[in-house]
Amino acid sequence: MSGLDYAAWFVLLLLAVIIIGVIFFVGNLPGSVAKKRNHPNADAIAVGSWATLIFGVVFGAYVGLLTRFVC
């Protein structure tokens, strides 16, 4: 393997780490904001944000309705 191959692997791993970090940041952001503002349903918002990130926007609308009217 040449130096260019090692550089390509390094860039690929760096991009993977950055993408995982962005996904974690986006999934954790609504819950952390809700906890910071002492929202009464902060735990439900945190779970809902991760569920929306994993299952998609359609399921997110359902989670939003649950946190709004049930909890």
PDB file of N, CA and C in Angstrom:
ATOM      1  N   MET A   1       0.846  -1.185   0.000  1.00  0.00           N
ATOM      2  CA  MET A   1       0.000   0.000   0.000  1.00  0.00           C
ATOM      3  C   MET A   1       0.884   1.238   0.000  1.00  0.00           C
ATOM      4  N   SER A   2       0.480   2.174  -0.788  1.00  0.00           N
ATOM      5  CA  SER A   2       1.257   3.410  -0.883  1.00  0.00           C
ATOM      6  C   SER A   2       0.745   4.430   0.135  1.00  0.00           C
ATOM      7  N   GLY A   3       1.415   5.533   0.184  1.00  0.00           N
ATOM      8  CA  GLY A   3       1.022   6.597   1.103  1.00  0.00           C
ATOM      9  C   GLY A   3      -0.336   7.173   0.758  1.00  0.00           C
ATOM     10  N   LEU A   4      -0.667   7.179  -0.517  1.00  0.00           N
ATOM     11  CA  LEU A   4      -1.965   7.682  -0.944  1.00  0.00           C
ATOM     12  C   LEU A   4      -3.098   6.777  -0.460  1.00  0.00           C
ATOM     13  N   ASP A   5      -2.861   5.479  -0.418  1.00  0.00           N
ATOM     14  CA  ASP A   5      -3.865   4.549   0.112  1.00  0.00           C
ATOM     15  C   ASP A   5      -4.105   4.789   1.602  1.00  0.00           C
ATOM     16  N   TYR A   6      -3.031   4.997   2.338  1.00  0.00           N
ATOM     17  CA  TYR A   6      -3.176   5.277   3.770  1.00  0.00           C
ATOM     18  C   TYR A   6      -3.908   6.600   4.000  1.00  0.00           C
ATOM     19  N   ALA A   7      -3.624   7.589   3.169  1.00  0.00           N
ATOM     20  CA  ALA A   7      -4.314   8.862   3.286  1.00  0.00           C
ATOM     21  C   ALA A   7      -5.801   8.701   2.991  1.00  0.00           C
ATOM     22  N   ALA A   8      -6.130   7.884   1.999  1.00  0.00           N
ATOM     23  CA  ALA A   8      -7.532   7.649   1.666  1.00  0.00           C
ATOM     24  C   ALA A   8      -8.259   6.944   2.811  1.00  0.00           C
ATOM     25  N   TRP A   9      -7.627   5.957   3.420  1.00  0.00           N
ATOM     26  CA  TRP A   9      -8.236   5.270   4.565  1.00  0.00           C
ATOM     27  C   TRP A   9      -8.415   6.225   5.739  1.00  0.00           C
ATOM     28  N   PHE A  10      -7.438   7.090   5.961  1.00  0.00           N
ATOM     29  CA  PHE A  10      -7.532   8.060   7.039  1.00  0.00           C
ATOM     30  C   PHE A  10      -8.703   9.012   6.818  1.00  0.00           C
ATOM     31  N   VAL A  11      -8.849   9.501   5.593  1.00  0.00           N
ATOM     32  CA  VAL A  11      -9.957  10.407   5.283  1.00  0.00           C
ATOM     33  C   VAL A  11     -11.286   9.685   5.437  1.00  0.00           C
ATOM     34  N   LEU A  12     -11.361   8.443   4.995  1.00  0.00           N
ATOM     35  CA  LEU A  12     -12.593   7.662   5.126  1.00  0.00           C
ATOM     36  C   LEU A  12     -12.973   7.461   6.593  1.00  0.00           C
ATOM     37  N   LEU A  13     -12.015   7.115   7.426  1.00  0.00           N
ATOM     38  CA  LEU A  13     -12.294   6.937   8.856  1.00  0.00           C
ATOM     39  C   LEU A  13     -12.653   8.265   9.522  1.00  0.00           C
ATOM     40  N   LEU A  14     -11.989   9.332   9.119  1.00  0.00           N
ATOM     41  CA  LEU A  14     -12.297  10.644   9.674  1.00  0.00           C
ATOM     42  C   LEU A  14     -13.723  11.062   9.318  1.00  0.00           C
ATOM     43  N   LEU A  15     -14.131  10.829   8.082  1.00  0.00           N
ATOM     44  CA  LEU A  15     -15.503  11.140   7.682  1.00  0.00           C
ATOM     45  C   LEU A  15     -16.520  10.302   8.445  1.00  0.00           C
ATOM     46  N   ALA A  16     -16.213   9.037   8.674  1.00  0.00           N
ATOM     47  CA  ALA A  16     -17.119   8.180   9.436  1.00  0.00           C
ATOM     48  C   ALA A  16     -17.291   8.694  10.865  1.00  0.00           C
ATOM     49  N   VAL A  17     -16.202   9.102  11.486  1.00  0.00           N
ATOM     50  CA  VAL A  17     -16.266   9.630  12.848  1.00  0.00           C
ATOM     51  C   VAL A  17     -17.058  10.938  12.881  1.00  0.00           C
ATOM     52  N   ILE A  18     -16.851  11.786  11.894  1.00  0.00           N
ATOM     53  CA  ILE A  18     -17.578  13.061  11.838  1.00  0.00           C
ATOM     54  C   ILE A  18     -19.064  12.817  11.641  1.00  0.00           C
ATOM     55  N   ILE A  19     -19.433  11.888  10.764  1.00  0.00           N
ATOM     56  CA  ILE A  19     -20.843  11.595  10.514  1.00  0.00           C
ATOM     57  C   ILE A  19     -21.506  11.024  11.762  1.00  0.00           C
ATOM     58  N   ILE A  20     -20.830  10.134  12.460  1.00  0.00           N
ATOM     59  CA  ILE A  20     -21.380   9.579  13.705  1.00  0.00           C
ATOM     60  C   ILE A  20     -21.534  10.679  14.752  1.00  0.00           C
ATOM     61  N   GLY A  21     -20.576  11.580  14.836  1.00  0.00           N
ATOM     62  CA  GLY A  21     -20.661  12.692  15.784  1.00  0.00           C
ATOM     63  C   GLY A  21     -21.818  13.629  15.473  1.00  0.00           C
ATOM     64  N   VAL A  22     -22.038  13.908  14.194  1.00  0.00           N
ATOM     65  CA  VAL A  22     -23.148  14.787  13.804  1.00  0.00           C
ATOM     66  C   VAL A  22     -24.482  14.114  14.109  1.00  0.00           C
ATOM     67  N   ILE A  23     -24.588  12.820  13.840  1.00  0.00           N
ATOM     68  CA  ILE A  23     -25.828  12.094  14.145  1.00  0.00           C
ATOM     69  C   ILE A  23     -26.099  12.115  15.645  1.00  0.00           C
ATOM     70  N   PHE A  24     -25.079  11.906  16.458  1.00  0.00           N
ATOM     71  CA  PHE A  24     -25.257  11.958  17.905  1.00  0.00           C
ATOM     72  C   PHE A  24     -25.661  13.357  18.359  1.00  0.00           C
ATOM     73  N   PHE A  25     -25.030  14.379  17.795  1.00  0.00           N
ATOM     74  CA  PHE A  25     -25.344  15.763  18.168  1.00  0.00           C
ATOM     75  C   PHE A  25     -26.792  16.105  17.823  1.00  0.00           C
ATOM     76  N   VAL A  26     -27.216  15.743  16.616  1.00  0.00           N
ATOM     77  CA  VAL A  26     -28.580  16.053  16.176  1.00  0.00           C
ATOM     78  C   VAL A  26     -29.606  15.265  16.989  1.00  0.00           C
ATOM     79  N   GLY A  27     -29.313  14.014  17.323  1.00  0.00           N
ATOM     80  CA  GLY A  27     -30.244  13.218  18.111  1.00  0.00           C
ATOM     81  C   GLY A  27     -30.348  13.667  19.550  1.00  0.00           C
ATOM     82  N   ASN A  28     -29.290  14.223  20.067  1.00  0.00           N
ATOM     83  CA  ASN A  28     -29.255  14.615  21.473  1.00  0.00           C
ATOM     84  C   ASN A  28     -29.693  16.069  21.701  1.00  0.00           C
ATOM     85  N   LEU A  29     -29.703  16.882  20.667  1.00  0.00           N
ATOM     86  CA  LEU A  29     -29.944  18.323  20.816  1.00  0.00           C
ATOM     87  C   LEU A  29     -31.317  18.672  21.403  1.00  0.00           C
ATOM     88  N   PRO A  30     -32.436  18.153  20.894  1.00  0.00           N
ATOM     89  CA  PRO A  30     -33.731  18.558  21.471  1.00  0.00           C
ATOM     90  C   PRO A  30     -33.886  18.164  22.944  1.00  0.00           C
ATOM     91  N   GLY A  31     -33.391  16.992  23.302  1.00  0.00           N
ATOM     92  CA  GLY A  31     -33.488  16.572  24.698  1.00  0.00           C
ATOM     93  C   GLY A  31     -32.648  17.425  25.622  1.00  0.00           C
ATOM     94  N   SER A  32     -31.466  17.798  25.174  1.00  0.00           N
ATOM     95  CA  SER A  32     -30.607  18.628  26.034  1.00  0.00           C
ATOM     96  C   SER A  32     -31.164  20.042  26.168  1.00  0.00           C
ATOM     97  N   VAL A  33     -31.762  20.573  25.114  1.00  0.00           N
ATOM     98  CA  VAL A  33     -32.377  21.899  25.206  1.00  0.00           C
ATOM     99  C   VAL A  33     -33.580  21.849  26.148  1.00  0.00           C
ATOM    100  N   ALA A  34     -34.367  20.786  26.058  1.00  0.00           N
ATOM    101  CA  ALA A  34     -35.535  20.657  26.937  1.00  0.00           C
ATOM    102  C   ALA A  34     -35.118  20.531  28.398  1.00  0.00           C
ATOM    103  N   LYS A  35     -34.057  19.778  28.660  1.00  0.00           N
ATOM    104  CA  LYS A  35     -33.584  19.649  30.046  1.00  0.00           C
ATOM    105  C   LYS A  35     -33.007  20.966  30.557  1.00  0.00           C
ATOM    106  N   LYS A  36     -32.325  21.693  29.676  1.00  0.00           N
ATOM    107  CA  LYS A  36     -31.744  22.974  30.078  1.00  0.00           C
ATOM    108  C   LYS A  36     -32.828  23.982  30.439  1.00  0.00           C
ATOM    109  N   ARG A  37     -33.947  23.930  29.728  1.00  0.00           N
ATOM    110  CA  ARG A  37     -35.046  24.872  29.975  1.00  0.00           C
ATOM    111  C   ARG A  37     -36.063  24.334  30.975  1.00  0.00           C
ATOM    112  N   ASN A  38     -35.752  23.222  31.632  1.00  0.00           N
ATOM    113  CA  ASN A  38     -36.606  22.603  32.652  1.00  0.00           C
ATOM    114  C   ASN A  38     -38.013  22.306  32.126  1.00  0.00           C
ATOM    115  N   HIS A  39     -38.069  21.728  30.939  1.00  0.00           N
ATOM    116  CA  HIS A  39     -39.346  21.355  30.346  1.00  0.00           C
ATOM    117  C   HIS A  39     -39.922  20.171  31.121  1.00  0.00           C
ATOM    118  N   PRO A  40     -41.226  20.159  31.386  1.00  0.00           N
ATOM    119  CA  PRO A  40     -41.801  19.055  32.171  1.00  0.00           C
ATOM    120  C   PRO A  40     -41.738  17.713  31.460  1.00  0.00           C
ATOM    121  N   ASN A  41     -41.662  17.695  30.142  1.00  0.00           N
ATOM    122  CA  ASN A  41     -41.599  16.441  29.383  1.00  0.00           C
ATOM    123  C   ASN A  41     -40.238  16.265  28.722  1.00  0.00           C
ATOM    124  N   ALA A  42     -39.182  16.637  29.395  1.00  0.00           N
ATOM    125  CA  ALA A  42     -37.845  16.604  28.802  1.00  0.00           C
ATOM    126  C   ALA A  42     -37.419  15.191  28.419  1.00  0.00           C
ATOM    127  N   ASP A  43     -37.751  14.215  29.254  1.00  0.00           N
ATOM    128  CA  ASP A  43     -37.381  12.837  28.923  1.00  0.00           C
ATOM    129  C   ASP A  43     -38.132  12.337  27.696  1.00  0.00           C
ATOM    130  N   ALA A  44     -39.397  12.676  27.588  1.00  0.00           N
ATOM    131  CA  ALA A  44     -40.180  12.269  26.416  1.00  0.00           C
ATOM    132  C   ALA A  44     -39.650  12.940  25.155  1.00  0.00           C
ATOM    133  N   ILE A  45     -39.216  14.173  25.259  1.00  0.00           N
ATOM    134  CA  ILE A  45     -38.653  14.867  24.103  1.00  0.00           C
ATOM    135  C   ILE A  45     -37.338  14.225  23.689  1.00  0.00           C
ATOM    136  N   ALA A  46     -36.527  13.838  24.655  1.00  0.00           N
ATOM    137  CA  ALA A  46     -35.254  13.191  24.330  1.00  0.00           C
ATOM    138  C   ALA A  46     -35.484  11.858  23.620  1.00  0.00           C
ATOM    139  N   VAL A  47     -36.409  11.058  24.132  1.00  0.00           N
ATOM    140  CA  VAL A  47     -36.713   9.773  23.490  1.00  0.00           C
ATOM    141  C   VAL A  47     -37.334  10.007  22.123  1.00  0.00           C
ATOM    142  N   GLY A  48     -38.203  10.987  22.027  1.00  0.00           N
ATOM    143  CA  GLY A  48     -38.848  11.291  20.753  1.00  0.00           C
ATOM    144  C   GLY A  48     -37.875  11.764  19.692  1.00  0.00           C
ATOM    145  N   SER A  49     -36.874  12.517  20.093  1.00  0.00           N
ATOM    146  CA  SER A  49     -35.906  12.989  19.103  1.00  0.00           C
ATOM    147  C   SER A  49     -35.072  11.839  18.549  1.00  0.00           C
ATOM    148  N   TRP A  50     -34.685  10.902  19.423  1.00  0.00           N
ATOM    149  CA  TRP A  50     -33.945   9.732  18.938  1.00  0.00           C
ATOM    150  C   TRP A  50     -34.833   8.831  18.090  1.00  0.00           C
ATOM    151  N   ALA A  51     -36.101   8.670  18.485  1.00  0.00           N
ATOM    152  CA  ALA A  51     -37.016   7.839  17.703  1.00  0.00           C
ATOM    153  C   ALA A  51     -37.252   8.443  16.329  1.00  0.00           C
ATOM    154  N   THR A  52     -37.389   9.761  16.270  1.00  0.00           N
ATOM    155  CA  THR A  52     -37.572  10.424  14.983  1.00  0.00           C
ATOM    156  C   THR A  52     -36.331  10.289  14.119  1.00  0.00           C
ATOM    157  N   LEU A  53     -35.171  10.403  14.717  1.00  0.00           N
ATOM    158  CA  LEU A  53     -33.932  10.268  13.960  1.00  0.00           C
ATOM    159  C   LEU A  53     -33.782   8.860  13.402  1.00  0.00           C
ATOM    160  N   ILE A  54     -34.199   7.862  14.173  1.00  0.00           N
ATOM    161  CA  ILE A  54     -34.033   6.475  13.744  1.00  0.00           C
ATOM    162  C   ILE A  54     -35.132   6.054  12.778  1.00  0.00           C
ATOM    163  N   PHE A  55     -36.394   6.360  13.091  1.00  0.00           N
ATOM    164  CA  PHE A  55     -37.510   5.837  12.315  1.00  0.00           C
ATOM    165  C   PHE A  55     -38.042   6.788  11.258  1.00  0.00           C
ATOM    166  N   GLY A  56     -37.661   8.017  11.271  1.00  0.00           N
ATOM    167  CA  GLY A  56     -38.063   8.933  10.223  1.00  0.00           C
ATOM    168  C   GLY A  56     -39.087   9.949  10.659  1.00  0.00           C
ATOM    169  N   VAL A  57     -39.411  10.824   9.742  1.00  0.00           N
ATOM    170  CA  VAL A  57     -40.239  11.981  10.041  1.00  0.00           C
ATOM    171  C   VAL A  57     -41.689  11.595  10.294  1.00  0.00           C
ATOM    172  N   VAL A  58     -42.189  10.572   9.613  1.00  0.00           N
ATOM    173  CA  VAL A  58     -43.593  10.180   9.800  1.00  0.00           C
ATOM    174  C   VAL A  58     -43.828   9.725  11.234  1.00  0.00           C
ATOM    175  N   PHE A  59     -42.922   8.923  11.754  1.00  0.00           N
ATOM    176  CA  PHE A  59     -43.033   8.495  13.140  1.00  0.00           C
ATOM    177  C   PHE A  59     -42.802   9.676  14.082  1.00  0.00           C
ATOM    178  N   GLY A  60     -42.024  10.646  13.647  1.00  0.00           N
ATOM    179  CA  GLY A  60     -41.761  11.825  14.465  1.00  0.00           C
ATOM    180  C   GLY A  60     -42.996  12.650  14.715  1.00  0.00           C
ATOM    181  N   ALA A  61     -43.881  12.728  13.738  1.00  0.00           N
ATOM    182  CA  ALA A  61     -45.132  13.455  13.936  1.00  0.00           C
ATOM    183  C   ALA A  61     -45.978  12.776  15.013  1.00  0.00           C
ATOM    184  N   TYR A  62     -45.997  11.461  15.013  1.00  0.00           N
ATOM    185  CA  TYR A  62     -46.726  10.709  16.029  1.00  0.00           C
ATOM    186  C   TYR A  62     -46.120  10.943  17.417  1.00  0.00           C
ATOM    187  N   VAL A  63     -44.809  10.929  17.501  1.00  0.00           N
ATOM    188  CA  VAL A  63     -44.138  11.176  18.784  1.00  0.00           C
ATOM    189  C   VAL A  63     -44.420  12.599  19.254  1.00  0.00           C
ATOM    190  N   GLY A  64     -44.432  13.545  18.334  1.00  0.00           N
ATOM    191  CA  GLY A  64     -44.736  14.924  18.706  1.00  0.00           C
ATOM    192  C   GLY A  64     -46.128  15.073  19.282  1.00  0.00           C
ATOM    193  N   LEU A  65     -47.085  14.373  18.689  1.00  0.00           N
ATOM    194  CA  LEU A  65     -48.444  14.407  19.227  1.00  0.00           C
ATOM    195  C   LEU A  65     -48.513  13.761  20.605  1.00  0.00           C
ATOM    196  N   LEU A  66     -47.784  12.667  20.784  1.00  0.00           N
ATOM    197  CA  LEU A  66     -47.777  12.012  22.106  1.00  0.00           C
ATOM    198  C   LEU A  66     -47.193  12.917  23.183  1.00  0.00           C
ATOM    199  N   THR A  67     -46.094  13.573  22.879  1.00  0.00           N
ATOM    200  CA  THR A  67     -45.471  14.439  23.892  1.00  0.00           C
ATOM    201  C   THR A  67     -46.317  15.671  24.148  1.00  0.00           C
ATOM    202  N   ARG A  68     -47.096  16.065  23.170  1.00  0.00           N
ATOM    203  CA  ARG A  68     -47.911  17.277  23.328  1.00  0.00           C
ATOM    204  C   ARG A  68     -49.190  17.014  24.141  1.00  0.00           C
ATOM    205  N   PHE A  69     -49.863  15.895  23.871  1.00  0.00           N
ATOM    206  CA  PHE A  69     -51.182  15.692  24.442  1.00  0.00           C
ATOM    207  C   PHE A  69     -51.278  14.587  25.496  1.00  0.00           C
ATOM    208  N   VAL A  70     -50.386  13.615  25.482  1.00  0.00           N
ATOM    209  CA  VAL A  70     -50.522  12.477  26.403  1.00  0.00           C
ATOM    210  C   VAL A  70     -49.706  12.675  27.657  1.00  0.00           C
ATOM    211  N   CYS A  71     -48.469  13.109  27.519  1.00  0.00           N
ATOM    212  CA  CYS A  71     -47.566  13.199  28.673  1.00  0.00           C
ATOM    213  C   CYS A  71     -47.906  14.346  29.573  1.00  0.00           C
TER     214      CYS A  71
END
